[in-house]
Structures are given as structure tokens and as C-alpha cells.
Amino acid sequence: APKQEAGTGEAPPVVEEEEKKKQKRGGRGQIKQKKKTVPQKVTIAKIPRAKKKYVTRVCGLATFDIDLKEGQRFFAQKFSCGASVTAEDEIIIQGDFTDDIIDVIQEKWPEVNEMIQMLGEASVLRLG
């Protein structure tokens, strides 16, 4: 009988150690950041530059988990022009490629199928 009591006496401390690891009271726990649910949509706009020159802005590729650096290199090579990543989800292509860019995007990234929106001439006001 004394051995059984000693055996039962050892088990509860192990359980208590496991419970200590978990937070029991209200205190300040770790707050998980919710991912912002951004609608998966690619927008393409033609922006006037100087006189009769334009740049094409492609936004929204990052919502499809597409590497923007890879996209920038692809557009620069495909259209033989300069392209750059300017914002966290924006690629600027030098020249007016609004006619061809939809077909090129759908060919390269098929998951972006019907989620492409064309904007008219968008004017960008830059201060600085």
C-alpha cells in the first residue's frame, strides 16, 4: 500500500509542470496579427509622363504570391524596356503596353486568369 501512494504522489507534479507552461489567467498574451484580406485583383493603368510618353503601372501581382523582382525582370525582357518595382505591390514599365500586357500576364501566370482590371489614363501627382 505505501508504494501505491508514492506512485500516485509522483504523477501530479508532472501534470502541474505542464499546466504551468500554459497561461491560465488573463495577463497579456501574444497577439496574433491577422492577415489583411486584400482582394486578389491585378490593376493596370496607363500614366502620362512627358508630352506623348507614358508608363504602364501594374499593381496587385503580390496578392497572387508572385515575386515582383521576377515580374519586373520578365516585363523588361519581354517588352525590351525599363521596368522597376516602385512600391510594395507595384511595377512600373516604361512605355504604353496596355494592349499586350493582359495576354502576357495570363500566359506567364495562369492563376491570374479573370482578375485583371484595366484603368483608364490615371494621373499621378507627385510632390517633391
Protein backbone atom coordinates (compact mmCIF):
# COMPACT_ATOMS: atom_id res chain seq x y z
CA ALA A 1 0.00 0.00 0.00
CA PRO A 2 2.76 2.57 0.74
CA LYS A 3 4.27 2.01 -2.74
CA GLN A 4 0.97 2.85 -4.46
CA GLU A 5 0.67 6.13 -2.57
CA ALA A 6 4.23 7.07 -3.54
CA GLY A 7 3.43 6.25 -7.19
CA THR A 8 0.33 8.42 -7.20
CA GLY A 9 2.22 11.19 -5.43
CA GLU A 10 4.73 11.48 -8.30
CA ALA A 11 2.22 11.82 -11.17
CA PRO A 12 0.51 15.11 -10.17
CA PRO A 13 3.71 17.22 -10.12
CA VAL A 14 4.35 16.29 -13.78
CA VAL A 15 0.84 17.43 -14.69
CA GLU A 16 1.34 20.67 -12.73
CA GLU A 17 4.56 21.40 -14.66
CA GLU A 18 2.70 21.04 -17.97
CA GLU A 19 -0.05 23.34 -16.71
CA LYS A 20 2.50 25.96 -15.66
CA LYS A 21 3.67 26.25 -19.24
CA LYS A 22 0.20 27.29 -20.37
CA GLN A 23 -1.13 30.68 -19.48
CA LYS A 24 -4.03 30.38 -17.05
CA ARG A 25 -5.02 33.95 -16.28
CA GLY A 26 -5.92 36.96 -18.38
CA GLY A 27 -2.50 38.63 -18.50
CA ARG A 28 -1.06 39.88 -21.72
CA GLY A 29 -0.63 37.05 -24.17
CA GLN A 30 0.87 37.15 -27.61
CA ILE A 31 -1.46 38.80 -30.06
CA LYS A 32 -1.52 37.18 -33.46
CA GLN A 33 -1.69 39.64 -36.29
CA LYS A 34 -4.48 38.96 -38.70
CA LYS A 35 -3.50 38.92 -42.33
CA LYS A 36 -5.25 41.64 -44.22
CA THR A 37 -7.61 40.13 -46.71
CA VAL A 38 -6.72 42.07 -49.81
CA PRO A 39 -8.90 41.24 -52.80
CA GLN A 40 -6.91 39.34 -55.39
CA LYS A 41 -7.05 41.68 -58.34
CA VAL A 42 -4.45 42.99 -60.77
CA THR A 43 -4.94 46.57 -61.93
CA ILE A 44 -3.25 48.01 -64.99
CA ALA A 45 -3.10 51.75 -65.67
CA LYS A 46 -1.50 53.96 -68.30
CA ILE A 47 0.07 57.02 -66.69
CA PRO A 48 1.17 60.04 -68.77
CA ARG A 49 4.75 61.15 -68.30
CA ALA A 50 6.05 63.95 -70.51
CA LYS A 51 4.37 65.14 -73.73
CA LYS A 52 3.44 61.93 -75.61
CA LYS A 53 5.22 59.46 -73.34
CA TYR A 54 3.55 57.02 -70.97
CA VAL A 55 4.38 54.43 -68.34
CA THR A 56 2.30 51.35 -67.56
CA ARG A 57 1.59 50.61 -63.90
CA VAL A 58 0.82 47.02 -62.82
CA CYS A 59 -0.50 46.61 -59.26
CA GLY A 60 -1.70 43.53 -57.41
CA LEU A 61 0.69 40.80 -58.53
CA ALA A 62 1.92 40.29 -54.96
CA THR A 63 -1.58 39.21 -53.86
CA PHE A 64 -1.09 36.14 -56.05
CA ASP A 65 2.28 35.37 -54.38
CA ILE A 66 4.21 36.41 -57.48
CA ASP A 67 7.75 37.67 -56.86
CA LEU A 68 7.79 41.29 -58.00
CA LYS A 69 11.50 41.25 -58.85
CA GLU A 70 10.90 38.27 -61.14
CA GLY A 71 7.91 40.06 -62.69
CA GLN A 72 9.93 43.21 -63.22
CA ARG A 73 12.71 41.30 -65.00
CA PHE A 74 10.16 39.41 -67.09
CA PHE A 75 8.37 42.59 -68.27
CA ALA A 76 11.66 44.35 -69.01
CA GLN A 77 12.86 41.44 -71.14
CA LYS A 78 9.51 40.80 -72.84
CA PHE A 79 8.88 44.42 -73.85
CA SER A 80 12.57 45.42 -74.28
CA CYS A 81 12.23 48.41 -72.00
CA GLY A 82 12.96 49.58 -68.47
CA ALA A 83 10.84 48.32 -65.60
CA SER A 84 11.09 48.79 -61.85
CA VAL A 85 9.41 47.82 -58.61
CA THR A 86 8.36 51.13 -57.03
CA ALA A 87 6.02 50.26 -54.15
CA GLU A 88 5.35 47.13 -52.12
CA ASP A 89 2.93 45.89 -54.79
CA GLU A 90 3.59 48.00 -57.90
CA ILE A 91 5.66 47.56 -61.06
CA ILE A 92 6.24 50.48 -63.43
CA ILE A 93 7.01 49.65 -67.08
CA GLN A 94 8.37 52.39 -69.33
CA GLY A 95 6.08 52.71 -72.32
CA ASP A 96 2.43 52.12 -73.18
CA PHE A 97 1.90 48.35 -73.15
CA THR A 98 -1.75 48.28 -72.07
CA ASP A 99 -2.77 46.38 -75.23
CA ASP A 100 -0.33 43.49 -74.84
CA ILE A 101 0.14 43.21 -71.09
CA ILE A 102 -3.08 41.31 -70.29
CA ASP A 103 -2.20 38.48 -72.66
CA VAL A 104 1.39 38.38 -71.37
CA ILE A 105 0.28 38.20 -67.71
CA GLN A 106 -2.25 35.43 -68.41
CA GLU A 107 0.34 33.48 -70.39
CA LYS A 108 3.06 33.75 -67.74
CA TRP A 109 0.85 33.40 -64.63
CA PRO A 110 -2.35 31.42 -65.42
CA GLU A 111 -3.63 31.77 -61.83
CA VAL A 112 -4.30 35.49 -62.53
CA ASN A 113 -6.96 34.48 -65.04
CA GLU A 114 -10.04 36.74 -64.84
CA MET A 115 -8.83 39.03 -62.06
CA ILE A 116 -7.35 41.77 -64.28
CA GLN A 117 -8.86 45.25 -64.25
CA MET A 118 -7.92 47.94 -66.73
CA LEU A 119 -7.98 51.55 -65.60
CA GLY A 120 -8.06 54.45 -68.00
CA GLU A 121 -5.38 57.08 -68.03
CA ALA A 122 -4.55 57.61 -64.41
CA SER A 123 -2.87 60.82 -63.49
CA VAL A 124 -0.32 60.68 -60.73
CA LEU A 125 0.51 63.82 -58.81
CA ARG A 126 3.96 63.58 -57.29
CA LEU A 127 5.24 66.19 -54.91
CA GLY A 128 8.88 66.56 -54.16
